[in-house]
Amino acid sequence: MSQDEFRRDMLPGHADFTLPGPAPAQRVNGRRPIPEKPEAPPVAAEDPDVWDRRVARGLSFIRRRLAGNYRVDDFGFDPELTDTVFHPMLKILYRDWFRTEVFGVEHLPLEGGGLVVGNHSGTIALDALMLTVALRDKHPGNRHLRLLGADLVFRLPLLSELARAAGATVACNPDAERLMTENQLVGVFPEGFKGIGKKFSERYKLQRFGRGGFVSAALRTGTPIVPVAIVGAEEIYPILADLKPLARLLGIPYFPVTPTFPHFGPLGLVPLPSKWLIQFCPPIPTAHLTEFADDPLVVYNLADQVRETIQASLHELLEKRPDPFGP
């Protein structure tokens, strides 16, 4: 029985009725056409010139460097070298090795000066470098962080030039105040060598913050203080012992003994792949306290407030990260 006969015989009065399913294909010259195959989705072809453009940019960068066609500020900061060479290399550690997660970026100033104060650890100051990458990577304005470094950093010939080119300067109040007055974000680690050189048994316990010079600099310029807690650096080179006689002989603050150094030689310098968390805390305003910049009581209380904020944030981050080497 044909479909039309079925409509007439079985469903009278329902001439509109059609059976479910596809409509029969029309015949051409008595033959049913072969259905066309659906077109495959287009495959994105690789741009054959992508490597040419990369090579051209690299050669252009080298030509500018050789010709001296680049700018540095009065402190020696070289933004082009930092963004083109330093940060891309550090991002491999930041993103792939340490798997860094960042929280609270909204607490950083969108513009204007500010003082970012963090805990310090890790045997080698990689936490300071990762903090600069985090701020440049996550801040809506992609701002640079100008680090304040210890005198030892700037006494070593090659390290001194690299540090200044990356935006660091000596940790002193005049330099910090000038940078903040010029609307820069300044990073400081008040624990100093006491923080990065402490043993693994004292991990995530903040050391003394010194005399609070960083607070005085913020008060004189009226810039906000942003505490930041960094979890992850304590596990990259766990210090089991400190060979103090050897450290004095070499003129360095400490000589660490870790599970991998000096036993494995240069291979022991590879940091362990711990999971990093960075938390920027709500800013502490100082504009209303500028007249108390030289008041020891105000300076001490404010420094203690910053320290307690960082310590509390460290505890919270450690709860978020139960496994130091987790994903």
Protein backbone atom coordinates (compact mmCIF):
# COMPACT_ATOMS: atom_id res chain seq x y z
CA MET A 1 0.00 0.00 0.00
CA SER A 2 1.36 3.39 -0.94
CA GLN A 3 1.60 6.30 1.50
CA ASP A 4 -1.21 8.19 -0.27
CA GLU A 5 -3.48 5.12 -0.17
CA PHE A 6 -2.72 4.79 3.56
CA ARG A 7 -3.84 8.40 4.14
CA ARG A 8 -7.09 7.87 2.18
CA ASP A 9 -8.01 4.49 3.66
CA MET A 10 -6.81 4.66 7.22
CA LEU A 11 -7.03 8.36 8.12
CA PRO A 12 -10.03 9.92 6.42
CA GLY A 13 -10.41 13.63 6.95
CA HIS A 14 -6.71 14.08 7.70
CA ALA A 15 -5.28 14.89 4.35
CA ASP A 16 -2.45 16.90 5.98
CA PHE A 17 -1.17 13.92 7.86
CA THR A 18 2.36 12.82 6.96
CA LEU A 19 4.30 9.97 8.38
CA PRO A 20 7.30 10.82 10.48
CA GLY A 21 10.67 10.54 8.85
CA PRO A 22 12.49 12.15 5.96
CA ALA A 23 10.62 13.07 2.84
CA PRO A 24 11.28 10.80 -0.10
CA ALA A 25 13.94 12.06 -2.42
CA GLN A 26 12.86 13.21 -5.85
CA ARG A 27 13.88 10.96 -8.73
CA VAL A 28 15.88 12.30 -11.63
CA ASN A 29 15.47 10.37 -14.87
CA GLY A 30 13.93 7.56 -12.86
CA ARG A 31 16.88 7.24 -10.53
CA ARG A 32 17.21 8.23 -6.88
CA PRO A 33 20.16 10.62 -6.41
CA ILE A 34 23.05 9.56 -4.19
CA PRO A 35 23.05 11.67 -1.00
CA GLU A 36 25.93 14.07 -0.72
CA LYS A 37 28.44 13.59 2.10
CA PRO A 38 28.54 16.42 4.63
CA GLU A 39 31.48 18.71 4.20
CA ALA A 40 34.30 18.18 6.69
CA PRO A 41 35.00 21.14 8.95
CA PRO A 42 37.80 23.32 7.63
CA VAL A 43 41.20 22.56 9.13
CA ALA A 44 43.12 25.60 10.26
CA ALA A 45 46.27 25.68 8.23
CA GLU A 46 49.44 26.71 9.98
CA ASP A 47 50.71 30.09 9.00
CA PRO A 48 53.91 29.40 7.08
CA ASP A 49 55.21 32.85 7.97
CA VAL A 50 54.79 32.58 11.75
CA TRP A 51 58.40 31.57 12.32
CA ASP A 52 59.60 34.18 9.86
CA ARG A 53 57.83 36.85 11.88
CA ARG A 54 59.31 35.55 15.14
CA VAL A 55 62.81 35.56 13.67
CA ALA A 56 62.24 39.06 12.31
CA ARG A 57 61.13 40.30 15.74
CA GLY A 58 64.15 38.66 17.34
CA LEU A 59 66.56 40.22 14.87
CA SER A 60 64.88 43.61 15.30
CA PHE A 61 65.27 43.30 19.08
CA ILE A 62 68.97 42.43 18.73
CA ARG A 63 69.56 45.35 16.34
CA ARG A 64 67.95 47.78 18.78
CA ARG A 65 70.04 46.45 21.66
CA LEU A 66 73.29 46.65 19.71
CA ALA A 67 72.48 50.16 18.49
CA GLY A 68 71.53 51.29 22.00
CA ASN A 69 68.05 52.18 20.82
CA TYR A 70 66.24 51.44 24.09
CA ARG A 71 65.40 53.27 27.28
CA VAL A 72 66.24 52.70 30.92
CA ASP A 73 65.19 54.85 33.87
CA ASP A 74 67.39 56.46 36.50
CA PHE A 75 67.55 53.19 38.46
CA GLY A 76 68.66 51.15 35.44
CA PHE A 77 65.28 49.50 34.83
CA ASP A 78 64.96 48.16 31.27
CA PRO A 79 61.26 47.38 30.56
CA GLU A 80 61.89 45.97 27.08
CA LEU A 81 64.56 43.53 28.26
CA THR A 82 62.38 42.51 31.22
CA ASP A 83 59.29 41.81 29.12
CA THR A 84 61.15 40.22 26.20
CA VAL A 85 63.77 38.10 27.97
CA PHE A 86 63.43 37.89 31.76
CA HIS A 87 59.69 37.33 32.24
CA PRO A 88 59.23 34.77 29.41
CA MET A 89 61.93 32.61 31.02
CA LEU A 90 60.53 33.04 34.53
CA LYS A 91 57.03 32.21 33.28
CA ILE A 92 58.15 28.64 32.61
CA LEU A 93 58.74 28.22 36.35
CA TYR A 94 55.72 30.32 37.30
CA ARG A 95 53.18 28.56 35.07
CA ASP A 96 54.48 25.06 34.32
CA TRP A 97 56.84 24.13 37.16
CA PHE A 98 55.21 25.79 40.18
CA ARG A 99 51.65 25.84 38.74
CA THR A 100 51.07 29.17 40.45
CA GLU A 101 47.60 30.37 41.40
CA VAL A 102 47.02 34.03 42.28
CA PHE A 103 44.21 35.49 44.39
CA GLY A 104 43.18 39.02 45.39
CA VAL A 105 44.65 40.95 42.44
CA GLU A 106 41.75 43.40 42.85
CA HIS A 107 43.42 44.68 46.04
CA LEU A 108 46.34 46.12 44.07
CA PRO A 109 46.15 49.78 43.01
CA LEU A 110 45.10 50.18 39.39
CA GLU A 111 47.35 53.22 39.15
CA GLY A 112 49.52 55.31 41.41
CA GLY A 113 52.10 54.23 43.94
CA GLY A 114 51.85 51.33 46.34
CA LEU A 115 53.99 49.19 48.63
CA VAL A 116 53.62 45.40 48.31
CA VAL A 117 54.95 43.65 51.43
CA GLY A 118 55.48 39.89 51.39
CA ASN A 119 56.88 36.98 53.35
CA HIS A 120 60.32 35.75 52.26
CA SER A 121 61.56 32.16 52.01
CA GLY A 122 63.05 29.55 49.74
CA THR A 123 66.87 29.66 50.17
CA ILE A 124 67.09 31.57 46.88
CA ALA A 125 64.81 34.57 46.42
CA LEU A 126 62.66 33.00 43.71
CA ASP A 127 59.55 34.17 45.57
CA ALA A 128 60.43 37.77 44.73
CA LEU A 129 60.84 36.92 41.05
CA MET A 130 57.61 34.93 40.91
CA LEU A 131 55.80 37.84 42.54
CA THR A 132 56.96 40.20 39.77
CA VAL A 133 55.69 37.74 37.14
CA ALA A 134 52.36 37.28 38.94
CA LEU A 135 51.75 41.01 39.12
CA ARG A 136 52.72 41.59 35.50
CA ASP A 137 50.63 38.62 34.37
CA LYS A 138 47.46 39.11 36.43
CA HIS A 139 47.17 42.85 37.11
CA PRO A 140 44.59 44.50 34.79
CA GLY A 141 47.17 47.16 33.95
CA ASN A 142 50.04 44.66 33.58
CA ARG A 143 52.09 46.71 35.99
CA HIS A 144 55.73 46.10 36.86
CA LEU A 145 56.81 45.49 40.46
CA ARG A 146 59.97 47.35 41.48
CA LEU A 147 61.76 45.18 44.01
CA LEU A 148 63.92 46.42 46.89
CA GLY A 149 66.96 44.15 47.25
CA ALA A 150 69.64 43.58 49.87
CA ASP A 151 73.06 45.25 49.57
CA LEU A 152 74.66 41.86 48.82
CA VAL A 153 72.74 41.62 45.55
CA PHE A 154 74.23 44.88 44.31
CA ARG A 155 77.78 44.05 45.36
CA LEU A 156 78.01 41.13 42.95
CA PRO A 157 79.05 42.34 39.46
CA LEU A 158 76.80 40.35 37.08
CA LEU A 159 73.87 39.92 39.47
CA SER A 160 73.82 43.65 40.17
CA GLU A 161 73.40 44.56 36.50
CA LEU A 162 70.71 41.94 35.96
CA ALA A 163 68.79 43.02 39.07
CA ARG A 164 68.79 46.68 38.09
CA ALA A 165 67.77 45.87 34.51
CA ALA A 166 64.83 43.87 35.92
CA GLY A 167 63.70 46.87 37.99
CA ALA A 168 65.27 46.22 41.39
CA THR A 169 67.11 48.76 43.51
CA VAL A 170 68.76 48.93 46.92
CA ALA A 171 66.42 48.53 49.89
CA CYS A 172 66.67 52.02 51.32
CA ASN A 173 64.00 54.58 52.17
CA PRO A 174 65.10 57.30 49.71
CA ASP A 175 64.89 54.96 46.71
CA ALA A 176 61.60 53.45 47.88
CA GLU A 177 60.04 56.87 48.49
CA ARG A 178 61.16 58.17 45.11
CA LEU A 179 59.71 55.18 43.27
CA MET A 180 56.39 55.43 45.07
CA THR A 181 56.27 59.19 44.46
CA GLU A 182 56.70 58.37 40.77
CA ASN A 183 53.57 56.17 40.98
CA GLN A 184 55.45 52.85 40.95
CA LEU A 185 54.48 49.64 42.74
CA VAL A 186 57.36 48.72 45.07
CA GLY A 187 57.95 45.24 46.50
CA VAL A 188 59.71 44.65 49.80
CA PHE A 189 60.41 41.59 51.99
CA PRO A 190 61.08 42.81 55.55
CA GLU A 191 62.29 39.39 56.78
CA GLY A 192 65.35 39.67 54.54
CA PHE A 193 67.94 36.90 54.82
CA LYS A 194 66.35 35.74 58.07
CA GLY A 195 63.37 34.62 56.01
CA ILE A 196 64.99 32.94 53.03
CA GLY A 197 67.70 31.33 55.17
CA LYS A 198 65.51 29.76 57.85
CA LYS A 199 65.36 26.00 58.31
CA PHE A 200 62.55 23.87 56.95
CA SER A 201 61.34 23.12 60.49
CA GLU A 202 60.41 26.83 60.79
CA ARG A 203 58.56 27.02 57.49
CA TYR A 204 55.74 29.54 57.16
CA LYS A 205 56.60 31.13 60.51
CA LEU A 206 57.36 34.78 59.86
CA GLN A 207 60.62 36.11 61.21
CA ARG A 208 61.10 39.56 62.73
CA PHE A 209 60.27 42.47 60.42
CA GLY A 210 63.20 44.66 61.42
CA ARG A 211 62.67 48.30 62.35
CA GLY A 212 59.73 48.94 60.05
CA GLY A 213 61.55 51.17 57.60
CA PHE A 214 59.16 50.12 54.86
CA VAL A 215 56.26 51.55 56.90
CA SER A 216 58.01 54.91 57.25
CA ALA A 217 58.51 55.09 53.48
CA ALA A 218 54.82 54.38 52.86
CA LEU A 219 53.73 56.94 55.47
CA ARG A 220 55.91 59.70 54.02
CA THR A 221 54.44 59.17 50.54
CA GLY A 222 50.89 58.37 51.68
CA THR A 223 50.80 55.22 49.55
CA PRO A 224 48.76 52.13 50.52
CA ILE A 225 50.45 49.02 51.88
CA VAL A 226 49.32 45.75 50.28
CA PRO A 227 50.32 42.64 52.28
CA VAL A 228 50.92 39.52 50.20
CA ALA A 229 51.25 35.91 51.35
CA ILE A 230 53.26 33.42 49.28
CA VAL A 231 52.94 29.67 49.84
CA GLY A 232 55.19 27.25 47.95
CA ALA A 233 58.66 28.74 48.19
CA GLU A 234 59.45 26.95 51.46
CA GLU A 235 59.50 23.57 49.69
CA ILE A 236 61.68 24.33 46.66
CA TYR A 237 64.99 24.04 48.59
CA PRO A 238 64.19 22.76 52.12
CA ILE A 239 67.09 23.82 54.37
CA LEU A 240 68.09 20.97 56.68
CA ALA A 241 71.25 22.61 58.06
CA ASP A 242 73.29 25.79 57.76
CA LEU A 243 77.09 25.51 57.57
CA LYS A 244 77.86 28.81 59.29
CA PRO A 245 81.70 28.52 59.26
CA LEU A 246 81.65 27.98 55.49
CA ALA A 247 79.17 30.85 55.09
CA ARG A 248 81.49 33.21 57.01
CA LEU A 249 84.44 32.07 54.90
CA LEU A 250 82.53 32.84 51.69
CA GLY A 251 81.09 36.10 53.03
CA ILE A 252 77.46 35.05 52.58
CA PRO A 253 74.61 35.07 55.14
CA TYR A 254 74.21 31.28 55.20
CA PHE A 255 75.36 28.12 53.42
CA PRO A 256 72.35 25.80 53.07
CA VAL A 257 72.32 22.04 53.12
CA THR A 258 69.18 20.71 51.39
CA PRO A 259 68.07 17.21 50.34
CA THR A 260 69.62 17.85 46.91
CA PHE A 261 72.44 20.36 47.57
CA PRO A 262 75.41 20.07 47.76
CA HIS A 263 75.07 16.28 47.42
CA PHE A 264 74.02 16.37 43.75
CA GLY A 265 76.19 19.31 42.75
CA PRO A 266 74.72 21.64 40.10
CA LEU A 267 71.73 19.31 39.70
CA GLY A 268 70.81 20.16 43.28
CA LEU A 269 70.09 23.74 42.17
CA VAL A 270 66.95 22.61 40.33
CA PRO A 271 64.02 23.67 42.57
CA LEU A 272 61.52 21.05 43.66
CA PRO A 273 58.16 21.42 41.85
CA SER A 274 56.02 22.60 44.75
CA LYS A 275 52.54 24.06 44.26
CA TRP A 276 52.47 27.87 44.70
CA LEU A 277 49.63 30.07 45.92
CA ILE A 278 49.89 33.87 46.08
CA GLN A 279 47.29 35.93 47.96
CA PHE A 280 47.15 39.75 47.81
CA CYS A 281 45.40 41.05 50.92
CA PRO A 282 43.22 44.17 51.26
CA PRO A 283 45.32 47.36 51.24
CA ILE A 284 46.12 49.30 54.40
CA PRO A 285 45.72 53.06 53.73
CA THR A 286 48.37 55.45 55.02
CA ALA A 287 47.36 58.83 53.54
CA HIS A 288 45.78 59.88 56.85
CA LEU A 289 48.94 59.03 58.83
CA THR A 290 51.63 60.95 56.94
CA GLU A 291 52.36 63.21 59.93
CA PHE A 292 53.29 60.14 62.01
CA ALA A 293 56.03 58.88 59.67
CA ASP A 294 58.66 59.45 62.38
CA ASP A 295 56.58 58.19 65.29
CA PRO A 296 58.13 54.85 66.39
CA LEU A 297 54.91 53.68 68.04
CA VAL A 298 52.79 54.24 64.93
CA VAL A 299 55.44 52.66 62.70
CA TYR A 300 55.77 49.61 64.94
CA ASN A 301 52.01 49.07 65.26
CA LEU A 302 51.49 49.35 61.51
CA ALA A 303 54.37 46.96 60.79
CA ASP A 304 52.90 44.51 63.29
CA GLN A 305 49.49 44.78 61.59
CA VAL A 306 51.06 43.94 58.23
CA ARG A 307 52.93 40.99 59.73
CA GLU A 308 49.83 39.55 61.39
CA THR A 309 47.84 39.93 58.17
CA ILE A 310 50.44 38.00 56.19
CA GLN A 311 50.72 35.28 58.85
CA ALA A 312 46.94 34.78 58.93
CA SER A 313 46.81 34.60 55.13
CA LEU A 314 49.59 31.99 55.11
CA HIS A 315 47.50 29.75 57.37
CA GLU A 316 44.49 30.14 55.05
CA LEU A 317 46.53 29.31 51.95
CA LEU A 318 48.04 26.24 53.60
CA GLU A 319 44.52 24.95 54.22
CA LYS A 320 43.75 25.45 50.52
CA ARG A 321 46.87 23.49 49.60
CA PRO A 322 46.93 20.27 51.66
CA ASP A 323 49.48 18.65 49.34
CA PRO A 324 52.70 20.70 48.85
CA PHE A 325 53.36 18.97 45.52
CA GLY A 326 49.78 18.51 44.35
CA PRO A 327 48.35 19.66 41.01
